[in-house]
Amino acid sequence: MPQLKPLDGIRVVDFTSMMAGPFATRLLADCGAELIKVEALTGDYMRYRSPVRDGRSSYYGQMNVGKKSIAIDLKTPKGREIARKLIAKSDVVVENYRPGVMQELGLDYASLKDEFPNLIYCSISGFGQTSSRARDPAYAPIIHAASGLDMTHMRWNAHLDRPPITGVFTADAVAAIYAFGAIQTALLHRERHGGGQHVDVNLLDSSLNLLVYEFQDAQFPTVTERPLYTPLKAKDGFVMVAPVNQKNFENLADAVGHPEWKSDKRFSHNSQREKHWSQLMAGVEEWTQQRSAIECEEILMRAHVPSSRFKSVPDLLADPELRTNGAFAEVADASGKYLVPNPPFRFSNADVHAREWVSDVSENRAQILRDIVGLNDAEIQELERSRVVGS
């Protein structure tokens, strides 16, 4: 008997672009929801971001796999009418336009809630819907600067003379995950208590929620700085070693050939180790520098010391265990096959994984307009001819 998809039967109209919104809705698709991605006639901007193969972006594909696509000119009355008809047949709307844009189109929650009282409507923005910066551009690097995230990284990296370079868009990813969970919580609320609602997720608050220790330390400053887990040099790379408790430390001391550390007043108890942490790590690094990273990892893990060598993404793609364990899924667009990460959760009795296809711009327009909106072929052709929908 085939496994059920947890969100089978849930239809989502996806008015998102760039990263945070598409990432959130892709997770819904992974769980079996039907995703209708509404794009501009030119397509989501991310469709043209590298890596590009034969005109198609796998970067875009990773965040939009499993979605049907229709391109609609929402600036036209007919385009907005089609959007409303899609919403009428759906459970969830997700949008990440700049606050105020959906209101101008008449497609904001306030304009829809009376007509569609069971609708779950999620807005994802940089600074929230009503803040003084609500309409400011809010890409992840901006949020990293505004949220305290980058200054926190600088605080813990005393050698830096400026905040770190942004390469990984943490704010987008974490906001997407919060939106994914909040949408499902709203669906559960509707099931248990009835009625839809507006879910407001923003990147600033999402990033702030990552700073657990720092948030409390700002209110109640500590006298002793917390231990910092510093990469240690090995012969051919780097190793992370994290002796977080007394047993870890004692095992570490034995593993690196310094059992005397266990009775050394600088290290023997946690309160003293915190004061002399840099000295302890320097001693461990003397040991790691004499060995390869994989040798360090193997010795320390056998000794039950939390540790790992530093790996690159190509290393992980080549890892046979990750492939066997289902960390990756093979998907395809019209330019060929490639791998994307599966969602980081598994269900014992449900089908959750990345779906297998990435649609081209407006590839599914005919099926969407015919089967969901209820138009005939002549009406669809007229919408294509007049450029209300992409062809």
Protein backbone atom coordinates (compact mmCIF):
# COMPACT_ATOMS: atom_id res chain seq x y z
CA MET A 1 0.00 0.00 0.00
CA PRO A 2 1.54 3.36 -1.02
CA GLN A 3 2.27 5.83 1.72
CA LEU A 4 0.08 8.89 2.00
CA LYS A 5 1.46 12.40 1.56
CA PRO A 6 0.87 14.41 4.78
CA LEU A 7 -0.46 17.50 2.94
CA ASP A 8 -2.23 15.67 0.13
CA GLY A 9 -5.41 17.59 -0.72
CA ILE A 10 -4.01 20.96 0.36
CA ARG A 11 -3.70 23.46 -2.48
CA VAL A 12 -1.37 26.45 -2.17
CA VAL A 13 -1.26 29.51 -4.41
CA ASP A 14 2.33 30.68 -4.36
CA PHE A 15 2.97 34.35 -5.16
CA THR A 16 6.58 34.18 -4.02
CA SER A 17 9.92 34.85 -5.68
CA MET A 18 13.60 35.04 -4.78
CA MET A 19 14.43 32.71 -1.84
CA ALA A 20 12.55 32.87 1.49
CA GLY A 21 9.06 32.40 0.02
CA PRO A 22 9.95 29.75 -2.57
CA PHE A 23 11.97 27.81 0.02
CA ALA A 24 8.94 27.75 2.37
CA THR A 25 6.50 26.64 -0.30
CA ARG A 26 8.87 24.00 -1.63
CA LEU A 27 8.78 22.35 1.78
CA LEU A 28 4.97 22.30 1.53
CA ALA A 29 5.31 20.63 -1.87
CA ASP A 30 7.73 18.09 -0.38
CA CYS A 31 4.96 17.16 2.06
CA GLY A 32 2.48 16.60 -0.77
CA ALA A 33 0.65 19.91 -1.10
CA GLU A 34 -0.35 20.99 -4.59
CA LEU A 35 1.63 24.16 -5.36
CA ILE A 36 0.45 26.62 -7.99
CA LYS A 37 3.32 29.08 -8.53
CA VAL A 38 2.10 32.38 -9.97
CA GLU A 39 4.93 34.18 -11.76
CA ALA A 40 5.38 37.36 -13.73
CA LEU A 41 5.26 36.87 -17.49
CA THR A 42 9.07 36.98 -17.52
CA GLY A 43 9.26 34.39 -14.72
CA ASP A 44 10.74 34.45 -11.25
CA TYR A 45 14.01 36.42 -11.25
CA MET A 46 15.79 33.41 -9.75
CA ARG A 47 15.19 31.41 -12.93
CA TYR A 48 18.15 33.27 -14.43
CA ARG A 49 20.60 32.95 -11.55
CA SER A 50 23.60 30.65 -11.90
CA PRO A 51 24.29 27.78 -11.95
CA VAL A 52 22.48 27.73 -15.32
CA ARG A 53 22.52 24.76 -17.68
CA ASP A 54 21.02 25.12 -21.15
CA GLY A 55 19.13 28.24 -20.04
CA ARG A 56 17.68 26.78 -16.83
CA SER A 57 18.83 27.52 -13.29
CA SER A 58 19.33 24.62 -10.92
CA TYR A 59 19.55 27.23 -8.12
CA TYR A 60 15.96 28.19 -8.93
CA GLY A 61 15.03 24.54 -9.31
CA GLN A 62 16.20 23.53 -5.85
CA MET A 63 13.75 26.02 -4.29
CA ASN A 64 10.86 25.38 -6.68
CA VAL A 65 10.88 21.68 -7.36
CA GLY A 66 7.42 20.09 -7.29
CA LYS A 67 5.45 23.21 -8.22
CA LYS A 68 3.15 23.87 -11.16
CA SER A 69 3.74 27.18 -12.89
CA ILE A 70 1.45 29.76 -14.43
CA ALA A 71 2.58 33.23 -15.47
CA ILE A 72 -0.10 35.90 -14.96
CA ASP A 73 0.01 39.65 -15.53
CA LEU A 74 -1.48 40.73 -12.21
CA LYS A 75 -1.54 44.36 -13.36
CA THR A 76 -4.49 43.51 -15.63
CA PRO A 77 -8.07 43.11 -14.34
CA LYS A 78 -8.36 39.73 -16.05
CA GLY A 79 -5.11 38.60 -14.46
CA ARG A 80 -6.32 39.55 -11.01
CA GLU A 81 -9.64 37.80 -11.69
CA ILE A 82 -7.80 34.58 -12.54
CA ALA A 83 -5.76 34.91 -9.34
CA ARG A 84 -8.91 35.29 -7.25
CA LYS A 85 -10.44 32.23 -8.90
CA LEU A 86 -7.33 30.23 -8.04
CA ILE A 87 -7.50 31.46 -4.45
CA ALA A 88 -11.19 30.49 -4.28
CA LYS A 89 -10.22 26.87 -4.96
CA SER A 90 -7.25 26.81 -2.58
CA ASP A 91 -6.44 26.44 1.10
CA VAL A 92 -3.35 28.61 1.42
CA VAL A 93 -1.87 31.74 -0.14
CA VAL A 94 1.80 32.58 0.36
CA GLU A 95 3.31 35.87 -0.83
CA ASN A 96 6.53 37.74 -0.24
CA TYR A 97 5.98 40.94 -2.16
CA ARG A 98 6.99 44.19 -0.54
CA PRO A 99 4.26 45.13 1.98
CA GLY A 100 1.49 47.06 0.25
CA VAL A 101 1.86 45.47 -3.19
CA MET A 102 -0.81 42.81 -2.68
CA GLN A 103 -3.12 45.47 -1.26
CA GLU A 104 -2.67 47.53 -4.42
CA LEU A 105 -3.66 44.45 -6.44
CA GLY A 106 -6.67 43.75 -4.25
CA LEU A 107 -5.18 40.39 -3.33
CA ASP A 108 -4.16 41.08 0.28
CA TYR A 109 -5.70 39.22 3.20
CA ALA A 110 -8.01 42.07 4.16
CA SER A 111 -9.47 42.08 0.65
CA LEU A 112 -10.01 38.32 0.63
CA LYS A 113 -10.94 37.23 4.15
CA ASP A 114 -14.68 37.97 4.00
CA GLU A 115 -15.11 36.13 0.72
CA PHE A 116 -12.83 33.27 1.75
CA PRO A 117 -13.19 32.91 5.54
CA ASN A 118 -11.23 29.63 5.70
CA LEU A 119 -8.21 30.93 3.82
CA ILE A 120 -4.75 30.66 5.39
CA TYR A 121 -2.75 33.61 4.07
CA CYS A 122 0.97 33.87 4.81
CA SER A 123 2.99 37.01 4.15
CA ILE A 124 6.79 36.83 4.31
CA SER A 125 8.65 40.13 4.48
CA GLY A 126 11.94 41.56 5.61
CA PHE A 127 10.84 43.87 8.40
CA GLY A 128 7.16 42.98 8.91
CA GLN A 129 4.00 44.47 7.47
CA THR A 130 3.71 47.60 9.61
CA SER A 131 7.18 48.63 10.81
CA SER A 132 8.83 51.90 9.80
CA ARG A 133 11.07 49.87 7.46
CA ALA A 134 8.26 47.72 6.05
CA ARG A 135 8.74 48.88 2.46
CA ASP A 136 12.53 48.93 2.52
CA PRO A 137 14.42 46.38 0.39
CA ALA A 138 15.21 43.45 2.67
CA TYR A 139 17.50 40.87 1.15
CA ALA A 140 19.30 38.47 3.47
CA PRO A 141 22.56 40.48 3.73
CA ILE A 142 20.54 43.53 4.80
CA ILE A 143 18.76 41.50 7.47
CA HIS A 144 22.03 39.98 8.68
CA ALA A 145 23.26 43.52 9.30
CA ALA A 146 20.02 44.80 10.82
CA SER A 147 19.23 41.85 13.09
CA GLY A 148 22.43 41.63 15.12
CA LEU A 149 23.43 38.38 13.43
CA ASP A 150 26.57 39.72 11.78
CA MET A 151 27.69 41.75 14.78
CA THR A 152 27.32 38.60 16.88
CA HIS A 153 29.61 36.72 14.49
CA MET A 154 32.09 39.56 14.75
CA ARG A 155 31.89 39.48 18.54
CA TRP A 156 32.86 35.82 18.59
CA ASN A 157 35.63 36.35 16.02
CA ALA A 158 37.92 38.88 17.69
CA HIS A 159 40.40 38.78 14.80
CA LEU A 160 37.88 40.41 12.44
CA ASP A 161 38.05 44.16 11.93
CA ARG A 162 34.63 44.24 10.29
CA PRO A 163 31.50 42.04 10.22
CA PRO A 164 31.78 38.87 8.10
CA ILE A 165 31.05 38.59 4.40
CA THR A 166 27.60 37.18 3.60
CA GLY A 167 27.76 34.06 1.45
CA VAL A 168 25.04 31.87 2.95
CA PHE A 169 21.60 33.53 3.09
CA THR A 170 20.73 32.40 6.60
CA ALA A 171 17.91 34.91 7.10
CA ASP A 172 16.03 33.66 4.05
CA ALA A 173 16.36 30.01 5.02
CA VAL A 174 15.34 30.41 8.66
CA ALA A 175 12.36 32.63 7.77
CA ALA A 176 11.26 30.01 5.25
CA ILE A 177 11.37 27.31 7.90
CA TYR A 178 9.36 29.41 10.35
CA ALA A 179 6.80 30.14 7.62
CA PHE A 180 6.55 26.45 6.75
CA GLY A 181 5.79 25.57 10.37
CA ALA A 182 3.44 28.51 10.93
CA ILE A 183 1.34 27.69 7.85
CA GLN A 184 0.81 24.15 9.05
CA THR A 185 0.00 25.37 12.54
CA ALA A 186 -2.64 27.65 11.02
CA LEU A 187 -4.05 24.72 9.05
CA LEU A 188 -4.25 22.69 12.26
CA HIS A 189 -5.95 25.63 13.98
CA ARG A 190 -8.49 25.75 11.17
CA GLU A 191 -9.11 22.02 11.52
CA ARG A 192 -9.52 22.18 15.31
CA HIS A 193 -11.21 25.55 15.78
CA GLY A 194 -12.43 26.68 12.37
CA GLY A 195 -11.61 29.71 10.25
CA GLY A 196 -8.61 30.99 8.38
CA GLN A 197 -6.19 33.73 9.34
CA HIS A 198 -3.26 35.86 8.31
CA VAL A 199 0.21 34.55 9.19
CA ASP A 200 2.89 37.27 9.27
CA VAL A 201 6.53 36.09 9.11
CA ASN A 202 9.50 38.41 8.77
CA LEU A 203 13.21 37.85 8.27
CA LEU A 204 14.29 40.25 11.01
CA ASP A 205 12.42 38.44 13.79
CA SER A 206 13.41 35.07 12.35
CA SER A 207 17.09 36.00 12.54
CA LEU A 208 16.70 37.43 16.04
CA ASN A 209 15.34 34.07 17.18
CA LEU A 210 18.67 32.48 16.31
CA LEU A 211 20.49 34.56 18.91
CA VAL A 212 19.36 32.73 22.03
CA TYR A 213 22.39 33.23 24.27
CA GLU A 214 23.08 36.72 22.94
CA PHE A 215 19.51 37.89 23.57
CA GLN A 216 19.75 36.96 27.25
CA ASP A 217 23.35 38.09 27.64
CA ALA A 218 22.35 41.55 26.39
CA GLN A 219 19.91 41.81 29.30
CA PHE A 220 21.99 40.03 31.94
CA PRO A 221 25.65 40.36 30.96
CA THR A 222 27.86 37.53 32.12
CA VAL A 223 31.21 38.04 33.77
CA THR A 224 32.87 35.08 32.06
CA GLU A 225 32.76 34.78 28.29
CA ARG A 226 31.27 31.55 26.97
CA PRO A 227 33.58 28.92 25.41
CA LEU A 228 34.11 29.42 21.69
CA TYR A 229 34.39 26.38 19.45
CA THR A 230 37.32 27.23 17.21
CA PRO A 231 38.41 25.27 14.12
CA LEU A 232 41.66 23.46 14.88
CA LYS A 233 44.34 22.93 12.25
CA ALA A 234 45.09 19.43 11.02
CA LYS A 235 47.77 18.36 8.53
CA ASP A 236 45.38 18.63 5.59
CA GLY A 237 42.46 20.70 6.79
CA PHE A 238 40.57 21.57 9.94
CA VAL A 239 38.79 19.77 12.77
CA MET A 240 36.02 20.86 15.12
CA VAL A 241 36.25 19.51 18.66
CA ALA A 242 33.47 20.25 21.16
CA PRO A 243 34.00 18.85 24.68
CA VAL A 244 30.77 20.27 26.08
CA ASN A 245 30.64 18.34 29.35
CA GLN A 246 32.94 16.79 31.94
CA LYS A 247 32.91 13.32 30.43
CA ASN A 248 33.71 14.72 26.97
CA PHE A 249 36.68 16.59 28.41
CA GLU A 250 38.04 13.59 30.29
CA ASN A 251 37.77 11.43 27.17
CA LEU A 252 39.50 14.15 25.17
CA ALA A 253 42.39 14.39 27.62
CA ASP A 254 43.00 10.64 27.35
CA ALA A 255 42.58 10.56 23.55
CA VAL A 256 45.18 13.26 22.88
CA GLY A 257 47.71 11.79 25.32
CA HIS A 258 47.30 14.30 28.13
CA PRO A 259 45.60 12.44 30.99
CA GLU A 260 47.27 14.90 33.39
CA TRP A 261 44.82 17.58 32.17
CA LYS A 262 42.12 15.86 34.22
CA SER A 263 43.86 16.94 37.43
CA ASP A 264 45.19 20.25 36.11
CA LYS A 265 43.53 23.04 38.08
CA ARG A 266 43.12 25.07 34.87
CA PHE A 267 40.98 22.40 33.23
CA SER A 268 39.69 19.90 35.78
CA HIS A 269 36.32 21.60 36.34
CA ASN A 270 34.02 23.35 33.91
CA SER A 271 34.21 26.76 35.59
CA GLN A 272 38.01 26.70 35.32
CA ARG A 273 38.01 25.34 31.77
CA GLU A 274 35.89 28.28 30.64
CA LYS A 275 38.51 30.69 32.03
CA HIS A 276 41.36 28.83 30.32
CA TRP A 277 39.51 27.61 27.24
CA SER A 278 41.93 29.08 24.70
CA GLN A 279 44.84 27.33 26.44
CA LEU A 280 42.99 24.01 26.35
CA MET A 281 42.20 24.36 22.65
CA ALA A 282 45.79 25.35 21.89
CA GLY A 283 46.92 22.15 23.57
CA VAL A 284 44.46 20.08 21.54
CA GLU A 285 45.61 21.81 18.33
CA GLU A 286 49.20 20.74 18.98
CA TRP A 287 47.85 17.19 18.72
CA THR A 288 45.57 17.73 15.69
CA GLN A 289 48.32 19.44 13.67
CA GLN A 290 50.31 16.21 13.67
CA ARG A 291 47.51 14.20 12.07
CA SER A 292 45.18 14.27 9.09
CA ALA A 293 41.67 15.57 9.65
CA ILE A 294 40.08 12.17 9.08
CA GLU A 295 42.52 10.55 11.52
CA CYS A 296 41.66 13.16 14.16
CA GLU A 297 37.96 12.56 13.66
CA GLU A 298 38.25 8.78 13.84
CA ILE A 299 40.41 8.78 17.00
CA LEU A 300 38.25 11.33 18.82
CA MET A 301 34.94 9.75 17.87
CA ARG A 302 36.17 6.33 19.03
CA ALA A 303 36.90 8.04 22.34
CA HIS A 304 33.37 9.52 22.41
CA VAL A 305 34.61 13.09 21.96
CA PRO A 306 32.21 15.14 19.80
CA SER A 307 34.22 16.06 16.72
CA SER A 308 34.19 16.33 12.95
CA ARG A 309 36.56 17.20 10.18
CA PHE A 310 35.44 20.15 8.07
CA LYS A 311 33.80 19.08 4.81
CA SER A 312 32.88 20.92 1.64
CA VAL A 313 29.61 20.59 -0.25
CA PRO A 314 31.38 18.54 -2.99
CA ASP A 315 32.58 16.22 -0.21
CA LEU A 316 29.01 15.74 0.94
CA LEU A 317 27.68 15.13 -2.57
CA ALA A 318 30.25 12.38 -2.94
CA ASP A 319 29.43 10.78 0.42
CA PRO A 320 27.88 7.35 -0.30
CA GLU A 321 26.27 7.17 3.14
CA LEU A 322 24.33 10.40 2.61
CA ARG A 323 23.08 9.11 -0.72
CA THR A 324 22.05 5.79 0.82
CA ASN A 325 20.28 7.53 3.70
CA GLY A 326 18.18 9.65 1.34
CA ALA A 327 19.74 13.04 2.02
CA PHE A 328 19.48 13.88 -1.68
CA ALA A 329 16.79 13.55 -4.33
CA GLU A 330 17.29 13.42 -8.08
CA VAL A 331 15.06 15.94 -9.84
CA ALA A 332 14.82 17.11 -13.43
CA ASP A 333 13.89 20.06 -15.56
CA ALA A 334 13.94 20.23 -19.34
CA SER A 335 17.73 20.72 -19.25
CA GLY A 336 18.45 17.50 -17.39
CA LYS A 337 18.79 15.84 -14.01
CA TYR A 338 20.51 17.06 -10.85
CA LEU A 339 20.50 16.54 -7.09
CA VAL A 340 18.79 18.66 -4.43
CA PRO A 341 18.64 18.11 -0.66
CA ASN A 342 15.60 16.29 0.64
CA PRO A 343 13.80 17.91 3.58
CA PRO A 344 15.65 17.19 6.83
CA PHE A 345 12.82 15.17 8.35
CA ARG A 346 11.56 11.65 7.74
CA PHE A 347 8.15 10.16 8.47
CA SER A 348 7.65 6.49 9.32
CA ASN A 349 4.26 6.31 7.62
CA ALA A 350 4.12 9.16 5.13
CA ASP A 351 5.66 10.11 1.80
CA VAL A 352 7.85 13.20 2.31
CA HIS A 353 10.60 14.06 -0.18
CA ALA A 354 11.48 16.46 -2.96
CA ARG A 355 9.14 15.95 -5.91
CA GLU A 356 10.76 14.98 -9.17
CA TRP A 357 10.13 17.87 -11.58
CA VAL A 358 10.80 21.57 -12.07
CA SER A 359 8.32 23.34 -14.34
CA ASP A 360 9.27 25.90 -16.97
CA VAL A 361 7.62 29.33 -16.83
CA SER A 362 3.85 28.92 -17.26
CA GLU A 363 4.31 25.30 -18.32
CA ASN A 364 1.15 24.20 -16.50
CA ARG A 365 -1.09 27.13 -17.48
CA ALA A 366 -3.55 25.12 -19.60
CA GLN A 367 -4.12 22.47 -16.95
CA ILE A 368 -4.47 25.08 -14.19
CA LEU A 369 -6.85 27.29 -16.16
CA ARG A 370 -8.92 24.36 -17.38
CA ASP A 371 -9.08 22.12 -14.31
CA ILE A 372 -9.02 24.70 -11.49
CA VAL A 373 -10.29 27.98 -12.94
CA GLY A 374 -12.77 26.23 -15.24
CA LEU A 375 -11.95 27.86 -18.60
CA ASN A 376 -12.32 26.23 -22.01
CA ASP A 377 -9.63 26.03 -24.68
CA ALA A 378 -10.86 29.08 -26.57
CA GLU A 379 -10.81 31.20 -23.42
CA ILE A 380 -7.33 30.00 -22.57
CA GLN A 381 -6.06 30.81 -26.05
CA GLU A 382 -7.52 34.33 -25.83
CA LEU A 383 -5.76 34.93 -22.50
CA GLU A 384 -2.50 33.78 -24.07
CA ARG A 385 -3.02 35.95 -27.16
CA SER A 386 -3.72 39.05 -25.07
CA ARG A 387 -0.70 38.31 -22.81
CA VAL A 388 -2.78 38.06 -19.64
CA VAL A 389 -1.08 34.71 -19.10
CA GLY A 390 2.27 33.52 -20.36
CA SER A 391 2.40 31.05 -23.20
